[in-house]
Amino acid sequence: MIQKIDKQSGAAFTLKKGQKLKVISPEAEQVSDMVLFNAHDIREKLSSGKTLDFEETILITKGNFLWSNRSQKLMGILEDTNGRNDFLLAPCSPETFEIMYDYKGYHPSCFENLYSNLEEFGIGPDDVPTAFNIFMNVQFDNEGNLSVDPPLNKAGDYLLFEAKTDLIVGLTACSAEDSNNGSFKPIHFEIID
């Protein structure tokens, strides 16, 4: 059954070893942040550094694995119809909008949507790692300067993951204007046995 994450919000759920997770962009140009935790020990969690080390690429896609801080495979990517995902930026937070957007007042953020949904699993704000940025299109120039370009995903694009251990998953429909080409849309997901 396909489940919906409303724009600028998030969800958290469990995934059993061997189950598949399909993350779908029902409309074009919407990013999703994903974090992972070992369901039996939440101190083991997704590691951007280990993933980049062991996969030897900054563009994680079909055939790659997402690794933990304990050098264990958490998920494999079986299918990716878009092909542009990365770990280059942290989940947007209230400070992101204050510092980078010069935004005053409350703004929804992936960081808040992750930790508030993961709270039921005993996971707090300081436990949230750098997220795997599904559909995000971060570019860099010859000097290493980063730019966030519009996502390349079209309506119906998806990634299909397979859990390599029992997991707690946090997933968002990203809240940052630049990441989503100035608009906000839902993200869908499906757990497949």
C-alpha atoms as a PDB file:
ATOM      1  CA  MET A   1       0.000   0.000   0.000  1.00  0.00           C
ATOM      2  CA  ILE A   2       1.410   3.390  -1.013  1.00  0.00           C
ATOM      3  CA  GLN A   3       1.618   5.893   1.831  1.00  0.00           C
ATOM      4  CA  LYS A   4       1.816   9.669   1.477  1.00  0.00           C
ATOM      5  CA  ILE A   5       4.113  12.140   3.217  1.00  0.00           C
ATOM      6  CA  ASP A   6       2.560  15.576   2.883  1.00  0.00           C
ATOM      7  CA  LYS A   7       4.693  18.462   1.655  1.00  0.00           C
ATOM      8  CA  GLN A   8       7.160  19.821   4.244  1.00  0.00           C
ATOM      9  CA  SER A   9       6.508  16.928   6.631  1.00  0.00           C
ATOM     10  CA  GLY A  10       7.942  13.528   7.512  1.00  0.00           C
ATOM     11  CA  ALA A  11       7.320   9.996   8.712  1.00  0.00           C
ATOM     12  CA  ALA A  12       9.129   7.271  10.662  1.00  0.00           C
ATOM     13  CA  PHE A  13       8.550   3.524  10.473  1.00  0.00           C
ATOM     14  CA  THR A  14      10.255   0.149  10.809  1.00  0.00           C
ATOM     15  CA  LEU A  15      11.531  -2.050   8.021  1.00  0.00           C
ATOM     16  CA  LYS A  16      12.427  -5.727   8.469  1.00  0.00           C
ATOM     17  CA  LYS A  17      15.530  -7.316   6.972  1.00  0.00           C
ATOM     18  CA  GLY A  18      14.726  -8.316   3.399  1.00  0.00           C
ATOM     19  CA  GLN A  19      11.786  -5.954   3.022  1.00  0.00           C
ATOM     20  CA  LYS A  20      11.931  -3.416   0.235  1.00  0.00           C
ATOM     21  CA  LEU A  21      11.206   0.302   0.448  1.00  0.00           C
ATOM     22  CA  LYS A  22      10.098   2.217  -2.619  1.00  0.00           C
ATOM     23  CA  VAL A  23      10.416   6.013  -2.339  1.00  0.00           C
ATOM     24  CA  ILE A  24       8.394   7.720  -5.057  1.00  0.00           C
ATOM     25  CA  SER A  25       8.183  11.262  -6.416  1.00  0.00           C
ATOM     26  CA  PRO A  26       4.498  11.554  -7.384  1.00  0.00           C
ATOM     27  CA  GLU A  27       5.211  14.976  -8.902  1.00  0.00           C
ATOM     28  CA  ALA A  28       8.415  16.374 -10.387  1.00  0.00           C
ATOM     29  CA  GLU A  29      11.245  18.176  -8.557  1.00  0.00           C
ATOM     30  CA  GLN A  30      10.730  17.113  -4.921  1.00  0.00           C
ATOM     31  CA  VAL A  31      13.579  15.951  -2.677  1.00  0.00           C
ATOM     32  CA  SER A  32      13.306  13.464   0.210  1.00  0.00           C
ATOM     33  CA  ASP A  33      15.738  13.139   3.135  1.00  0.00           C
ATOM     34  CA  MET A  34      16.199   9.643   4.566  1.00  0.00           C
ATOM     35  CA  VAL A  35      17.971   8.482   7.737  1.00  0.00           C
ATOM     36  CA  LEU A  36      18.417   4.914   8.982  1.00  0.00           C
ATOM     37  CA  PHE A  37      18.984   3.293  12.376  1.00  0.00           C
ATOM     38  CA  ASN A  38      19.569  -0.303  13.407  1.00  0.00           C
ATOM     39  CA  ALA A  39      16.237  -1.281  14.992  1.00  0.00           C
ATOM     40  CA  HIS A  40      18.052  -3.304  17.692  1.00  0.00           C
ATOM     41  CA  ASP A  41      20.611  -0.623  18.633  1.00  0.00           C
ATOM     42  CA  ILE A  42      19.904   2.956  17.573  1.00  0.00           C
ATOM     43  CA  ARG A  43      23.521   3.929  18.219  1.00  0.00           C
ATOM     44  CA  GLU A  44      24.216   2.222  14.892  1.00  0.00           C
ATOM     45  CA  LYS A  45      22.987   4.556  12.195  1.00  0.00           C
ATOM     46  CA  LEU A  46      23.469   5.750   8.636  1.00  0.00           C
ATOM     47  CA  SER A  47      26.943   7.148   7.941  1.00  0.00           C
ATOM     48  CA  SER A  48      27.550   9.457   4.995  1.00  0.00           C
ATOM     49  CA  GLY A  49      31.312   9.108   5.472  1.00  0.00           C
ATOM     50  CA  LYS A  50      31.375   5.302   5.513  1.00  0.00           C
ATOM     51  CA  THR A  51      29.025   5.172   2.523  1.00  0.00           C
ATOM     52  CA  LEU A  52      31.210   7.516   0.469  1.00  0.00           C
ATOM     53  CA  ASP A  53      34.356   5.628   1.541  1.00  0.00           C
ATOM     54  CA  PHE A  54      33.135   2.143   0.733  1.00  0.00           C
ATOM     55  CA  GLU A  55      31.118   2.988  -2.387  1.00  0.00           C
ATOM     56  CA  GLU A  56      33.922   5.262  -3.712  1.00  0.00           C
ATOM     57  CA  THR A  57      31.494   7.760  -5.229  1.00  0.00           C
ATOM     58  CA  ILE A  58      29.587  10.857  -4.150  1.00  0.00           C
ATOM     59  CA  LEU A  59      26.615  10.000  -6.380  1.00  0.00           C
ATOM     60  CA  ILE A  60      24.883   7.033  -4.762  1.00  0.00           C
ATOM     61  CA  THR A  61      22.545   5.099  -7.056  1.00  0.00           C
ATOM     62  CA  LYS A  62      21.509   1.631  -8.283  1.00  0.00           C
ATOM     63  CA  GLY A  63      24.005  -1.007  -7.207  1.00  0.00           C
ATOM     64  CA  ASN A  64      25.317   0.996  -4.248  1.00  0.00           C
ATOM     65  CA  PHE A  65      24.806   0.357  -0.534  1.00  0.00           C
ATOM     66  CA  LEU A  66      24.083   2.685   2.372  1.00  0.00           C
ATOM     67  CA  TRP A  67      26.509   1.922   5.243  1.00  0.00           C
ATOM     68  CA  SER A  68      26.414   2.429   9.007  1.00  0.00           C
ATOM     69  CA  ASN A  69      28.857   4.095  11.390  1.00  0.00           C
ATOM     70  CA  ARG A  70      29.871   0.516  12.296  1.00  0.00           C
ATOM     71  CA  SER A  71      30.787  -0.340   8.683  1.00  0.00           C
ATOM     72  CA  GLN A  72      27.721  -2.548   8.115  1.00  0.00           C
ATOM     73  CA  LYS A  73      25.413  -2.466   5.095  1.00  0.00           C
ATOM     74  CA  LEU A  74      22.025  -1.046   6.080  1.00  0.00           C
ATOM     75  CA  MET A  75      20.364  -0.906   2.648  1.00  0.00           C
ATOM     76  CA  GLY A  76      21.052  -1.751  -0.948  1.00  0.00           C
ATOM     77  CA  ILE A  77      19.683   0.249  -3.872  1.00  0.00           C
ATOM     78  CA  LEU A  78      18.015  -2.108  -6.348  1.00  0.00           C
ATOM     79  CA  GLU A  79      16.487   0.447  -8.730  1.00  0.00           C
ATOM     80  CA  ASP A  80      16.844   4.201  -9.313  1.00  0.00           C
ATOM     81  CA  THR A  81      14.945   5.809 -12.187  1.00  0.00           C
ATOM     82  CA  ASN A  82      16.415   9.288 -11.546  1.00  0.00           C
ATOM     83  CA  GLY A  83      20.067   8.610 -10.725  1.00  0.00           C
ATOM     84  CA  ARG A  84      20.839  11.813  -8.810  1.00  0.00           C
ATOM     85  CA  ASN A  85      21.114  11.467  -5.023  1.00  0.00           C
ATOM     86  CA  ASP A  86      23.846  12.475  -2.589  1.00  0.00           C
ATOM     87  CA  PHE A  87      25.063  13.115   0.966  1.00  0.00           C
ATOM     88  CA  LEU A  88      26.544  16.558   0.271  1.00  0.00           C
ATOM     89  CA  LEU A  89      24.249  18.659   2.488  1.00  0.00           C
ATOM     90  CA  ALA A  90      22.800  18.074   5.949  1.00  0.00           C
ATOM     91  CA  PRO A  91      19.028  18.057   6.543  1.00  0.00           C
ATOM     92  CA  CYS A  92      17.654  21.598   6.428  1.00  0.00           C
ATOM     93  CA  SER A  93      17.087  22.959   9.944  1.00  0.00           C
ATOM     94  CA  PRO A  94      15.737  26.158  11.541  1.00  0.00           C
ATOM     95  CA  GLU A  95      19.320  27.440  11.465  1.00  0.00           C
ATOM     96  CA  THR A  96      19.535  26.711   7.716  1.00  0.00           C
ATOM     97  CA  PHE A  97      16.754  29.199   7.078  1.00  0.00           C
ATOM     98  CA  GLU A  98      18.156  31.799   9.482  1.00  0.00           C
ATOM     99  CA  ILE A  99      21.734  31.614   8.184  1.00  0.00           C
ATOM    100  CA  MET A 100      21.384  30.760   4.497  1.00  0.00           C
ATOM    101  CA  TYR A 101      17.963  32.174   3.652  1.00  0.00           C
ATOM    102  CA  ASP A 102      17.965  35.121   6.118  1.00  0.00           C
ATOM    103  CA  TYR A 103      14.475  33.931   7.075  1.00  0.00           C
ATOM    104  CA  LYS A 104      12.878  35.227  10.267  1.00  0.00           C
ATOM    105  CA  GLY A 105      10.297  33.209  12.185  1.00  0.00           C
ATOM    106  CA  TYR A 106       9.243  29.589  11.995  1.00  0.00           C
ATOM    107  CA  HIS A 107       9.954  27.515   8.871  1.00  0.00           C
ATOM    108  CA  PRO A 108       9.349  23.747   8.585  1.00  0.00           C
ATOM    109  CA  SER A 109      12.569  21.771   8.229  1.00  0.00           C
ATOM    110  CA  CYS A 110      13.686  18.228   7.451  1.00  0.00           C
ATOM    111  CA  PHE A 111      15.704  18.107  10.674  1.00  0.00           C
ATOM    112  CA  GLU A 112      12.631  18.857  12.799  1.00  0.00           C
ATOM    113  CA  ASN A 113      10.451  16.512  10.735  1.00  0.00           C
ATOM    114  CA  LEU A 114      12.983  13.727  11.194  1.00  0.00           C
ATOM    115  CA  TYR A 115      13.550  14.000  14.945  1.00  0.00           C
ATOM    116  CA  SER A 116       9.907  14.712  15.811  1.00  0.00           C
ATOM    117  CA  ASN A 117       8.766  11.572  13.948  1.00  0.00           C
ATOM    118  CA  LEU A 118      11.660   9.440  15.231  1.00  0.00           C
ATOM    119  CA  GLU A 119      10.987  10.440  18.854  1.00  0.00           C
ATOM    120  CA  GLU A 120       8.630   7.475  19.346  1.00  0.00           C
ATOM    121  CA  PHE A 121      11.651   5.193  18.761  1.00  0.00           C
ATOM    122  CA  GLY A 122      13.765   6.954  21.392  1.00  0.00           C
ATOM    123  CA  ILE A 123      15.737   8.923  18.798  1.00  0.00           C
ATOM    124  CA  GLY A 124      16.400  12.570  19.641  1.00  0.00           C
ATOM    125  CA  PRO A 125      17.713  15.579  17.700  1.00  0.00           C
ATOM    126  CA  ASP A 126      21.375  14.858  18.511  1.00  0.00           C
ATOM    127  CA  ASP A 127      20.996  11.315  17.145  1.00  0.00           C
ATOM    128  CA  VAL A 128      19.978  12.402  13.621  1.00  0.00           C
ATOM    129  CA  PRO A 129      22.844  11.862  11.140  1.00  0.00           C
ATOM    130  CA  THR A 130      23.451  13.491   7.781  1.00  0.00           C
ATOM    131  CA  ALA A 131      20.598  12.259   5.609  1.00  0.00           C
ATOM    132  CA  PHE A 132      20.716  10.471   2.286  1.00  0.00           C
ATOM    133  CA  ASN A 133      19.302  13.132  -0.055  1.00  0.00           C
ATOM    134  CA  ILE A 134      17.016  11.305  -2.468  1.00  0.00           C
ATOM    135  CA  PHE A 135      16.534  13.171  -5.787  1.00  0.00           C
ATOM    136  CA  MET A 136      18.714  16.100  -4.623  1.00  0.00           C
ATOM    137  CA  ASN A 137      20.837  17.793  -7.275  1.00  0.00           C
ATOM    138  CA  VAL A 138      23.896  19.394  -5.652  1.00  0.00           C
ATOM    139  CA  GLN A 139      26.582  20.485  -8.098  1.00  0.00           C
ATOM    140  CA  PHE A 140      30.106  21.739  -7.489  1.00  0.00           C
ATOM    141  CA  ASP A 141      32.561  23.717  -9.595  1.00  0.00           C
ATOM    142  CA  ASN A 142      36.315  23.331 -10.106  1.00  0.00           C
ATOM    143  CA  GLU A 143      37.011  25.252  -6.876  1.00  0.00           C
ATOM    144  CA  GLY A 144      34.644  23.018  -4.908  1.00  0.00           C
ATOM    145  CA  ASN A 145      31.894  25.641  -4.496  1.00  0.00           C
ATOM    146  CA  LEU A 146      28.489  24.013  -4.051  1.00  0.00           C
ATOM    147  CA  SER A 147      25.236  24.962  -5.727  1.00  0.00           C
ATOM    148  CA  VAL A 148      21.800  23.444  -5.229  1.00  0.00           C
ATOM    149  CA  ASP A 149      20.220  23.054  -8.647  1.00  0.00           C
ATOM    150  CA  PRO A 150      16.635  22.034  -9.440  1.00  0.00           C
ATOM    151  CA  PRO A 151      16.023  18.310  -8.949  1.00  0.00           C
ATOM    152  CA  LEU A 152      16.013  16.278 -12.151  1.00  0.00           C
ATOM    153  CA  ASN A 153      13.310  13.842 -11.051  1.00  0.00           C
ATOM    154  CA  LYS A 154      10.100  13.575 -13.017  1.00  0.00           C
ATOM    155  CA  ALA A 155       6.671  12.517 -11.769  1.00  0.00           C
ATOM    156  CA  GLY A 156       6.767   8.792 -11.042  1.00  0.00           C
ATOM    157  CA  ASP A 157      10.532   8.517 -10.526  1.00  0.00           C
ATOM    158  CA  TYR A 158      11.515   6.245  -7.627  1.00  0.00           C
ATOM    159  CA  LEU A 159      14.255   4.442  -5.761  1.00  0.00           C
ATOM    160  CA  LEU A 160      13.820   0.865  -4.599  1.00  0.00           C
ATOM    161  CA  PHE A 161      15.839  -0.138  -1.526  1.00  0.00           C
ATOM    162  CA  GLU A 162      16.297  -3.484   0.223  1.00  0.00           C
ATOM    163  CA  ALA A 163      16.882  -3.607   3.983  1.00  0.00           C
ATOM    164  CA  LYS A 164      20.021  -5.539   4.938  1.00  0.00           C
ATOM    165  CA  THR A 165      19.045  -5.575   8.630  1.00  0.00           C
ATOM    166  CA  ASP A 166      16.011  -4.575  10.726  1.00  0.00           C
ATOM    167  CA  LEU A 167      15.748  -0.798  10.459  1.00  0.00           C
ATOM    168  CA  ILE A 168      14.060   2.316  11.761  1.00  0.00           C
ATOM    169  CA  VAL A 169      13.597   4.716   8.857  1.00  0.00           C
ATOM    170  CA  GLY A 170      13.012   8.465   8.940  1.00  0.00           C
ATOM    171  CA  LEU A 171      11.778   9.975   5.661  1.00  0.00           C
ATOM    172  CA  THR A 172      10.728  13.500   4.652  1.00  0.00           C
ATOM    173  CA  ALA A 173       9.238  15.569   1.882  1.00  0.00           C
ATOM    174  CA  CYS A 174      11.951  18.244   1.976  1.00  0.00           C
ATOM    175  CA  SER A 175      11.116  21.749   3.239  1.00  0.00           C
ATOM    176  CA  ALA A 176      13.926  23.802   1.647  1.00  0.00           C
ATOM    177  CA  GLU A 177      12.964  26.069  -1.242  1.00  0.00           C
ATOM    178  CA  ASP A 178      16.298  25.785  -3.074  1.00  0.00           C
ATOM    179  CA  SER A 179      16.330  21.978  -2.928  1.00  0.00           C
ATOM    180  CA  ASN A 180      12.889  21.708  -4.558  1.00  0.00           C
ATOM    181  CA  ASN A 181      13.100  24.449  -7.213  1.00  0.00           C
ATOM    182  CA  GLY A 182      10.981  26.850  -5.136  1.00  0.00           C
ATOM    183  CA  SER A 183       7.922  24.693  -4.451  1.00  0.00           C
ATOM    184  CA  PHE A 184       6.867  21.878  -2.117  1.00  0.00           C
ATOM    185  CA  LYS A 185       5.174  18.611  -2.979  1.00  0.00           C
ATOM    186  CA  PRO A 186       4.480  15.263  -1.305  1.00  0.00           C
ATOM    187  CA  ILE A 187       6.632  12.150  -1.305  1.00  0.00           C
ATOM    188  CA  HIS A 188       5.116   8.671  -1.452  1.00  0.00           C
ATOM    189  CA  PHE A 189       6.555   5.441  -0.134  1.00  0.00           C
ATOM    190  CA  GLU A 190       5.667   1.766  -0.180  1.00  0.00           C
ATOM    191  CA  ILE A 191       6.910  -1.116   1.961  1.00  0.00           C
ATOM    192  CA  ILE A 192       7.096  -4.323  -0.066  1.00  0.00           C
ATOM    193  CA  ASP A 193       7.453  -7.804   1.496  1.00  0.00           C
END
